Full PDB file with SEQRES, HELIX, SHEET, SSBOND, CRYST1, ORIGX, SCALE, CONECT and MASTER records, all heavy atoms in Angstrom:
SEQRES   1 A   30  PHE MET SER LYS LYS LYS ILE GLU LEU THR PRO GLY LEU          
SEQRES   2 A   30  ASN VAL ASP ALA ILE LEU GLU THR MET ALA LYS ASN TYR          
SEQRES   3 A   30  LYS ASP GLU GLU                                              
HELIX    1 AA1 VAL A   15  ASN A   25  1                                  11    
CRYST1    1.000    1.000    1.000  90.00  90.00  90.00 P 1           1          
ORIGX1      1.000000  0.000000  0.000000        0.00000                         
ORIGX2      0.000000  1.000000  0.000000        0.00000                         
ORIGX3      0.000000  0.000000  1.000000        0.00000                         
SCALE1      1.000000  0.000000  0.000000        0.00000                         
SCALE2      0.000000  1.000000  0.000000        0.00000                         
SCALE3      0.000000  0.000000  1.000000        0.00000                         
ATOM      1  N   PHE A   1      99.601 -71.794-170.989  1.00  0.00           N  
ATOM      2  CA  PHE A   1     100.083 -72.840-170.054  1.00  0.00           C  
ATOM      3  C   PHE A   1     100.812 -73.795-171.005  1.00  0.00           C  
ATOM      4  O   PHE A   1     100.465 -74.117-172.002  1.00  0.00           O  
ATOM      5  CB  PHE A   1      98.937 -73.474-169.307  1.00  0.00           C  
ATOM      6  CG  PHE A   1      98.178 -72.549-168.559  1.00  0.00           C  
ATOM      7  CD1 PHE A   1      97.175 -71.767-168.981  1.00  0.00           C  
ATOM      8  CD2 PHE A   1      98.550 -72.500-167.022  1.00  0.00           C  
ATOM      9  CE1 PHE A   1      96.493 -70.945-168.127  1.00  0.00           C  
ATOM     10  CE2 PHE A   1      97.825 -71.644-166.248  1.00  0.00           C  
ATOM     11  CZ  PHE A   1      96.768 -70.829-166.850  1.00  0.00           C  
ATOM     12  N   MET A   2     102.010 -74.279-170.324  1.00  0.00           N  
ATOM     13  CA  MET A   2     102.919 -75.078-171.152  1.00  0.00           C  
ATOM     14  C   MET A   2     102.887 -76.537-170.447  1.00  0.00           C  
ATOM     15  O   MET A   2     102.747 -76.714-169.319  1.00  0.00           O  
ATOM     16  CB  MET A   2     104.256 -74.754-171.161  1.00  0.00           C  
ATOM     17  CG  MET A   2     104.663 -73.636-172.156  1.00  0.00           C  
ATOM     18  SD  MET A   2     106.427 -73.415-172.445  1.00  0.00           S  
ATOM     19  CE  MET A   2     106.418 -72.385-173.746  1.00  0.00           C  
ATOM     20  N   SER A   3     102.945 -77.396-171.389  1.00  0.00           N  
ATOM     21  CA  SER A   3     103.285 -78.888-170.971  1.00  0.00           C  
ATOM     22  C   SER A   3     104.612 -79.399-171.672  1.00  0.00           C  
ATOM     23  O   SER A   3     104.858 -79.130-172.837  1.00  0.00           O  
ATOM     24  CB  SER A   3     102.169 -79.784-171.444  1.00  0.00           C  
ATOM     25  OG  SER A   3     102.514 -81.235-171.189  1.00  0.00           O  
ATOM     26  N   LYS A   4     105.514 -79.962-170.872  1.00  0.00           N  
ATOM     27  CA  LYS A   4     106.721 -80.528-171.413  1.00  0.00           C  
ATOM     28  C   LYS A   4     106.771 -81.965-171.004  1.00  0.00           C  
ATOM     29  O   LYS A   4     107.007 -82.374-169.982  1.00  0.00           O  
ATOM     30  CB  LYS A   4     108.009 -79.739-170.693  1.00  0.00           C  
ATOM     31  CG  LYS A   4     107.931 -78.335-171.143  1.00  0.00           C  
ATOM     32  CD  LYS A   4     109.132 -77.520-170.566  1.00  0.00           C  
ATOM     33  CE  LYS A   4     109.051 -75.947-170.914  1.00  0.00           C  
ATOM     34  NZ  LYS A   4     110.006 -75.250-170.453  1.00  0.00           N  
ATOM     35  N   LYS A   5     106.745 -82.799-172.066  1.00  0.00           N  
ATOM     36  CA  LYS A   5     106.813 -84.255-171.940  1.00  0.00           C  
ATOM     37  C   LYS A   5     107.719 -84.826-172.919  1.00  0.00           C  
ATOM     38  O   LYS A   5     108.406 -84.148-173.718  1.00  0.00           O  
ATOM     39  CB  LYS A   5     105.369 -84.774-172.270  1.00  0.00           C  
ATOM     40  CG  LYS A   5     104.222 -84.339-171.249  1.00  0.00           C  
ATOM     41  CD  LYS A   5     102.994 -85.083-171.303  1.00  0.00           C  
ATOM     42  CE  LYS A   5     102.034 -84.564-170.339  1.00  0.00           C  
ATOM     43  NZ  LYS A   5     100.753 -85.418-170.303  1.00  0.00           N  
ATOM     44  N   LYS A   6     108.035 -86.184-172.818  1.00  0.00           N  
ATOM     45  CA  LYS A   6     108.897 -86.843-173.757  1.00  0.00           C  
ATOM     46  C   LYS A   6     108.372 -88.196-173.984  1.00  0.00           C  
ATOM     47  O   LYS A   6     107.716 -88.813-173.218  1.00  0.00           O  
ATOM     48  CB  LYS A   6     110.378 -86.803-173.190  1.00  0.00           C  
ATOM     49  CG  LYS A   6     110.528 -87.625-172.051  1.00  0.00           C  
ATOM     50  CD  LYS A   6     111.991 -87.512-171.475  1.00  0.00           C  
ATOM     51  CE  LYS A   6     112.218 -88.309-170.159  1.00  0.00           C  
ATOM     52  NZ  LYS A   6     113.574 -88.187-169.730  1.00  0.00           N  
ATOM     53  N   ILE A   7     108.793 -88.776-175.153  1.00  0.00           N  
ATOM     54  CA  ILE A   7     108.349 -90.259-175.431  1.00  0.00           C  
ATOM     55  C   ILE A   7     109.661 -90.924-175.746  1.00  0.00           C  
ATOM     56  O   ILE A   7     110.482 -90.496-176.604  1.00  0.00           O  
ATOM     57  CB  ILE A   7     107.451 -90.213-176.765  1.00  0.00           C  
ATOM     58  CG1 ILE A   7     107.191 -91.665-177.026  1.00  0.00           C  
ATOM     59  CG2 ILE A   7     107.930 -89.453-177.823  1.00  0.00           C  
ATOM     60  CD1 ILE A   7     105.832 -91.792-177.970  1.00  0.00           C  
ATOM     61  N   GLU A   8     109.823 -92.012-175.118  1.00  0.00           N  
ATOM     62  CA  GLU A   8     111.063 -92.771-175.276  1.00  0.00           C  
ATOM     63  C   GLU A   8     110.749 -93.894-176.325  1.00  0.00           C  
ATOM     64  O   GLU A   8     109.745 -94.656-176.303  1.00  0.00           O  
ATOM     65  CB  GLU A   8     111.537 -93.532-174.013  1.00  0.00           C  
ATOM     66  CG  GLU A   8     111.862 -92.523-172.841  1.00  0.00           C  
ATOM     67  CD  GLU A   8     112.613 -93.263-171.732  1.00  0.00           C  
ATOM     68  OE1 GLU A   8     113.137 -94.321-171.953  1.00  0.00           O  
ATOM     69  OE2 GLU A   8     112.599 -92.523-170.712  1.00  0.00           O  
ATOM     70  N   LEU A   9     111.697 -93.930-177.354  1.00  0.00           N  
ATOM     71  CA  LEU A   9     111.410 -94.878-178.557  1.00  0.00           C  
ATOM     72  C   LEU A   9     112.428 -95.916-178.395  1.00  0.00           C  
ATOM     73  O   LEU A   9     113.440 -95.947-177.681  1.00  0.00           O  
ATOM     74  CB  LEU A   9     111.683 -94.011-179.806  1.00  0.00           C  
ATOM     75  CG  LEU A   9     110.731 -92.869-180.004  1.00  0.00           C  
ATOM     76  CD1 LEU A   9     111.184 -92.025-181.099  1.00  0.00           C  
ATOM     77  CD2 LEU A   9     109.259 -93.246-180.107  1.00  0.00           C  
ATOM     78  N   THR A  10     112.032 -97.040-179.165  1.00  0.00           N  
ATOM     79  CA  THR A  10     112.974 -98.096-179.250  1.00  0.00           C  
ATOM     80  C   THR A  10     114.261 -97.811-179.958  1.00  0.00           C  
ATOM     81  O   THR A  10     114.136 -97.202-181.020  1.00  0.00           O  
ATOM     82  CB  THR A  10     112.218 -99.266-179.970  1.00  0.00           C  
ATOM     83  OG1 THR A  10     111.016 -99.522-179.400  1.00  0.00           O  
ATOM     84  CG2 THR A  10     113.050-100.743-179.940  1.00  0.00           C  
ATOM     85  N   PRO A  11     115.502 -98.162-179.395  1.00  0.00           N  
ATOM     86  CA  PRO A  11     116.656 -97.844-180.126  1.00  0.00           C  
ATOM     87  C   PRO A  11     116.580 -98.524-181.618  1.00  0.00           C  
ATOM     88  O   PRO A  11     116.094 -99.659-181.760  1.00  0.00           O  
ATOM     89  CB  PRO A  11     117.758 -98.584-179.319  1.00  0.00           C  
ATOM     90  CG  PRO A  11     117.178 -98.505-178.004  1.00  0.00           C  
ATOM     91  CD  PRO A  11     115.663 -98.813-178.028  1.00  0.00           C  
ATOM     92  N   GLY A  12     117.065 -97.752-182.565  1.00  0.00           N  
ATOM     93  CA  GLY A  12     117.044 -98.292-183.816  1.00  0.00           C  
ATOM     94  C   GLY A  12     115.956 -97.632-184.735  1.00  0.00           C  
ATOM     95  O   GLY A  12     115.980 -97.702-185.915  1.00  0.00           O  
ATOM     96  N   LEU A  13     114.873 -97.198-184.057  1.00  0.00           N  
ATOM     97  CA  LEU A  13     113.823 -96.397-184.787  1.00  0.00           C  
ATOM     98  C   LEU A  13     114.426 -95.215-185.520  1.00  0.00           C  
ATOM     99  O   LEU A  13     115.212 -94.549-184.997  1.00  0.00           O  
ATOM    100  CB  LEU A  13     112.725 -95.996-183.892  1.00  0.00           C  
ATOM    101  CG  LEU A  13     111.549 -97.223-183.600  1.00  0.00           C  
ATOM    102  CD1 LEU A  13     110.593 -96.641-182.560  1.00  0.00           C  
ATOM    103  CD2 LEU A  13     110.922 -97.619-184.827  1.00  0.00           C  
ATOM    104  N   ASN A  14     113.901 -94.799-186.686  1.00  0.00           N  
ATOM    105  CA  ASN A  14     114.251 -93.719-187.401  1.00  0.00           C  
ATOM    106  C   ASN A  14     113.538 -92.430-186.922  1.00  0.00           C  
ATOM    107  O   ASN A  14     112.297 -92.271-187.389  1.00  0.00           O  
ATOM    108  CB  ASN A  14     114.170 -93.909-188.957  1.00  0.00           C  
ATOM    109  CG  ASN A  14     114.738 -92.662-189.663  1.00  0.00           C  
ATOM    110  OD1 ASN A  14     114.860 -91.670-189.310  1.00  0.00           O  
ATOM    111  ND2 ASN A  14     115.054 -93.058-190.898  1.00  0.00           N  
ATOM    112  N   VAL A  15     114.029 -91.762-185.973  1.00  0.00           N  
ATOM    113  CA  VAL A  15     113.432 -90.562-185.307  1.00  0.00           C  
ATOM    114  C   VAL A  15     113.112 -89.510-186.378  1.00  0.00           C  
ATOM    115  O   VAL A  15     111.988 -88.861-186.375  1.00  0.00           O  
ATOM    116  CB  VAL A  15     114.163 -89.965-184.089  1.00  0.00           C  
ATOM    117  CG1 VAL A  15     113.467 -88.839-183.547  1.00  0.00           C  
ATOM    118  CG2 VAL A  15     114.454 -91.057-183.143  1.00  0.00           C  
ATOM    119  N   ASP A  16     114.044 -89.198-187.268  1.00  0.00           N  
ATOM    120  CA  ASP A  16     113.858 -88.179-188.295  1.00  0.00           C  
ATOM    121  C   ASP A  16     112.679 -88.492-189.244  1.00  0.00           C  
ATOM    122  O   ASP A  16     111.839 -87.689-189.562  1.00  0.00           O  
ATOM    123  CB  ASP A  16     115.152 -88.060-189.250  1.00  0.00           C  
ATOM    124  CG  ASP A  16     116.252 -87.385-188.436  1.00  0.00           C  
ATOM    125  OD1 ASP A  16     115.924 -86.526-187.650  1.00  0.00           O  
ATOM    126  OD2 ASP A  16     117.349 -87.786-188.638  1.00  0.00           O  
ATOM    127  N   ALA A  17     112.480 -89.819-189.568  1.00  0.00           N  
ATOM    128  CA  ALA A  17     111.376 -90.229-190.428  1.00  0.00           C  
ATOM    129  C   ALA A  17     110.071 -90.071-189.749  1.00  0.00           C  
ATOM    130  O   ALA A  17     109.135 -89.603-190.253  1.00  0.00           O  
ATOM    131  CB  ALA A  17     111.634 -91.647-190.750  1.00  0.00           C  
ATOM    132  N   ILE A  18     110.021 -90.420-188.392  1.00  0.00           N  
ATOM    133  CA  ILE A  18     108.876 -90.087-187.510  1.00  0.00           C  
ATOM    134  C   ILE A  18     108.427 -88.663-187.547  1.00  0.00           C  
ATOM    135  O   ILE A  18     107.180 -88.182-187.791  1.00  0.00           O  
ATOM    136  CB  ILE A  18     108.981 -90.637-186.087  1.00  0.00           C  
ATOM    137  CG1 ILE A  18     109.145 -92.177-186.071  1.00  0.00           C  
ATOM    138  CG2 ILE A  18     107.893 -90.163-185.170  1.00  0.00           C  
ATOM    139  CD1 ILE A  18     109.661 -92.813-184.842  1.00  0.00           C  
ATOM    140  N   LEU A  19     109.426 -87.806-187.328  1.00  0.00           N  
ATOM    141  CA  LEU A  19     109.040 -86.329-187.351  1.00  0.00           C  
ATOM    142  C   LEU A  19     108.713 -85.785-188.842  1.00  0.00           C  
ATOM    143  O   LEU A  19     107.783 -84.938-188.797  1.00  0.00           O  
ATOM    144  CB  LEU A  19     110.309 -85.568-187.039  1.00  0.00           C  
ATOM    145  CG  LEU A  19     110.844 -85.777-185.530  1.00  0.00           C  
ATOM    146  CD1 LEU A  19     111.988 -84.994-185.135  1.00  0.00           C  
ATOM    147  CD2 LEU A  19     109.698 -85.494-184.522  1.00  0.00           C  
ATOM    148  N   GLU A  20     109.280 -86.464-189.824  1.00  0.00           N  
ATOM    149  CA  GLU A  20     108.865 -86.123-191.145  1.00  0.00           C  
ATOM    150  C   GLU A  20     107.413 -86.418-191.397  1.00  0.00           C  
ATOM    151  O   GLU A  20     106.643 -85.633-192.049  1.00  0.00           O  
ATOM    152  CB  GLU A  20     109.770 -86.737-192.185  1.00  0.00           C  
ATOM    153  CG  GLU A  20     111.107 -86.074-192.446  1.00  0.00           C  
ATOM    154  CD  GLU A  20     111.970 -86.847-193.346  1.00  0.00           C  
ATOM    155  OE1 GLU A  20     111.477 -87.654-194.188  1.00  0.00           O  
ATOM    156  OE2 GLU A  20     113.192 -86.629-193.127  1.00  0.00           O  
ATOM    157  N   THR A  21     106.924 -87.524-190.912  1.00  0.00           N  
ATOM    158  CA  THR A  21     105.618 -88.131-191.038  1.00  0.00           C  
ATOM    159  C   THR A  21     104.699 -87.155-190.352  1.00  0.00           C  
ATOM    160  O   THR A  21     103.562 -86.858-190.834  1.00  0.00           O  
ATOM    161  CB  THR A  21     105.551 -89.504-190.466  1.00  0.00           C  
ATOM    162  OG1 THR A  21     106.519 -90.390-191.247  1.00  0.00           O  
ATOM    163  CG2 THR A  21     104.097 -90.101-190.715  1.00  0.00           C  
ATOM    164  N   MET A  22     105.087 -86.730-189.094  1.00  0.00           N  
ATOM    165  CA  MET A  22     104.144 -85.806-188.353  1.00  0.00           C  
ATOM    166  C   MET A  22     104.017 -84.420-189.092  1.00  0.00           C  
ATOM    167  O   MET A  22     102.948 -83.979-189.165  1.00  0.00           O  
ATOM    168  CB  MET A  22     104.845 -85.530-186.926  1.00  0.00           C  
ATOM    169  CG  MET A  22     104.690 -86.725-185.974  1.00  0.00           C  
ATOM    170  SD  MET A  22     103.010 -87.216-185.465  1.00  0.00           S  
ATOM    171  CE  MET A  22     102.473 -85.698-184.572  1.00  0.00           C  
ATOM    172  N   ALA A  23     105.240 -84.036-189.662  1.00  0.00           N  
ATOM    173  CA  ALA A  23     105.055 -82.676-190.455  1.00  0.00           C  
ATOM    174  C   ALA A  23     104.080 -82.877-191.626  1.00  0.00           C  
ATOM    175  O   ALA A  23     103.253 -82.009-191.953  1.00  0.00           O  
ATOM    176  CB  ALA A  23     106.477 -82.388-190.946  1.00  0.00           C  
ATOM    177  N   LYS A  24     104.105 -84.078-192.345  1.00  0.00           N  
ATOM    178  CA  LYS A  24     103.309 -84.274-193.440  1.00  0.00           C  
ATOM    179  C   LYS A  24     101.806 -84.386-192.985  1.00  0.00           C  
ATOM    180  O   LYS A  24     100.870 -83.914-193.599  1.00  0.00           O  
ATOM    181  CB  LYS A  24     103.707 -85.578-194.218  1.00  0.00           C  
ATOM    182  CG  LYS A  24     104.900 -85.403-195.091  1.00  0.00           C  
ATOM    183  CD  LYS A  24     105.273 -86.826-195.682  1.00  0.00           C  
ATOM    184  CE  LYS A  24     106.652 -86.693-196.482  1.00  0.00           C  
ATOM    185  NZ  LYS A  24     107.165 -87.993-196.744  1.00  0.00           N  
ATOM    186  N   ASN A  25     101.569 -85.044-191.814  1.00  0.00           N  
ATOM    187  CA  ASN A  25     100.194 -85.143-191.287  1.00  0.00           C  
ATOM    188  C   ASN A  25      99.580 -83.844-191.088  1.00  0.00           C  
ATOM    189  O   ASN A  25      98.379 -83.796-191.010  1.00  0.00           O  
ATOM    190  CB  ASN A  25     100.153 -86.168-190.122  1.00  0.00           C  
ATOM    191  CG  ASN A  25     100.622 -87.548-190.390  1.00  0.00           C  
ATOM    192  OD1 ASN A  25     100.592 -87.996-191.518  1.00  0.00           O  
ATOM    193  ND2 ASN A  25     100.757 -88.350-189.402  1.00  0.00           N  
ATOM    194  N   TYR A  26     100.308 -82.765-190.717  1.00  0.00           N  
ATOM    195  CA  TYR A  26      99.840 -81.653-190.283  1.00  0.00           C  
ATOM    196  C   TYR A  26     100.145 -80.477-191.317  1.00  0.00           C  
ATOM    197  O   TYR A  26     100.296 -79.291-190.969  1.00  0.00           O  
ATOM    198  CB  TYR A  26     100.267 -81.162-188.914  1.00  0.00           C  
ATOM    199  CG  TYR A  26      99.581 -82.050-187.762  1.00  0.00           C  
ATOM    200  CD1 TYR A  26     100.094 -83.197-187.211  1.00  0.00           C  
ATOM    201  CD2 TYR A  26      98.349 -81.572-187.423  1.00  0.00           C  
ATOM    202  CE1 TYR A  26      99.564 -83.811-186.350  1.00  0.00           C  
ATOM    203  CE2 TYR A  26      97.691 -82.436-186.364  1.00  0.00           C  
ATOM    204  CZ  TYR A  26      98.334 -83.478-185.880  1.00  0.00           C  
ATOM    205  OH  TYR A  26      97.597 -84.263-185.006  1.00  0.00           O  
ATOM    206  N   LYS A  27     100.396 -80.906-192.540  1.00  0.00           N  
ATOM    207  CA  LYS A  27     100.894 -80.004-193.600  1.00  0.00           C  
ATOM    208  C   LYS A  27      99.936 -78.741-193.780  1.00  0.00           C  
ATOM    209  O   LYS A  27     100.352 -77.748-194.328  1.00  0.00           O  
ATOM    210  CB  LYS A  27     101.105 -80.740-194.951  1.00  0.00           C  
ATOM    211  CG  LYS A  27      99.913 -81.223-195.624  1.00  0.00           C  
ATOM    212  CD  LYS A  27     100.306 -81.916-196.910  1.00  0.00           C  
ATOM    213  CE  LYS A  27      99.082 -82.539-197.789  1.00  0.00           C  
ATOM    214  NZ  LYS A  27      98.439 -83.613-196.902  1.00  0.00           N  
ATOM    215  N   ASP A  28      98.702 -78.969-193.456  1.00  0.00           N  
ATOM    216  CA  ASP A  28      97.715 -77.936-193.564  1.00  0.00           C  
ATOM    217  C   ASP A  28      97.734 -76.723-192.512  1.00  0.00           C  
ATOM    218  O   ASP A  28      97.195 -75.691-192.600  1.00  0.00           O  
ATOM    219  CB  ASP A  28      96.327 -78.351-193.746  1.00  0.00           C  
ATOM    220  CG  ASP A  28      96.092 -79.296-195.044  1.00  0.00           C  
ATOM    221  OD1 ASP A  28      96.874 -78.943-196.076  1.00  0.00           O  
ATOM    222  OD2 ASP A  28      95.177 -80.089-194.923  1.00  0.00           O  
ATOM    223  N   GLU A  29      98.619 -77.029-191.501  1.00  0.00           N  
ATOM    224  CA  GLU A  29      98.814 -76.166-190.265  1.00  0.00           C  
ATOM    225  C   GLU A  29     100.159 -75.364-190.628  1.00  0.00           C  
ATOM    226  O   GLU A  29     100.870 -75.627-191.615  1.00  0.00           O  
ATOM    227  CB  GLU A  29      98.919 -76.738-189.138  1.00  0.00           C  
ATOM    228  CG  GLU A  29      97.676 -77.731-188.700  1.00  0.00           C  
ATOM    229  CD  GLU A  29      96.553 -76.855-188.518  1.00  0.00           C  
ATOM    230  OE1 GLU A  29      96.538 -75.681-188.290  1.00  0.00           O  
ATOM    231  OE2 GLU A  29      95.408 -77.570-188.675  1.00  0.00           O  
ATOM    232  N   GLU A  30     100.362 -74.343-189.844  1.00  0.00           N  
ATOM    233  CA  GLU A  30     101.673 -73.582-189.910  1.00  0.00           C  
ATOM    234  C   GLU A  30     102.817 -74.467-189.358  1.00  0.00           C  
ATOM    235  O   GLU A  30     102.831 -74.822-188.234  1.00  0.00           O  
ATOM    236  CB  GLU A  30     101.543 -72.221-189.159  1.00  0.00           C  
ATOM    237  CG  GLU A  30     102.714 -71.224-189.466  1.00  0.00           C  
ATOM    238  CD  GLU A  30     102.554 -70.070-188.671  1.00  0.00           C  
ATOM    239  OE1 GLU A  30     101.418 -69.549-188.364  1.00  0.00           O  
ATOM    240  OE2 GLU A  30     103.583 -69.503-188.168  1.00  0.00           O  
TER     241      GLU A  30                                                      
MASTER        0    0    0    1    0    0    0    6  240    1    0    3          
END                                                                             
């Protein structure tokens, strides 16, 4: 089963940096 959602961020936020942090936080997963 799938869920498709989105999160709206404040303009000016560094989206790439947020995604990089998420990748680091889960570095032990695939």
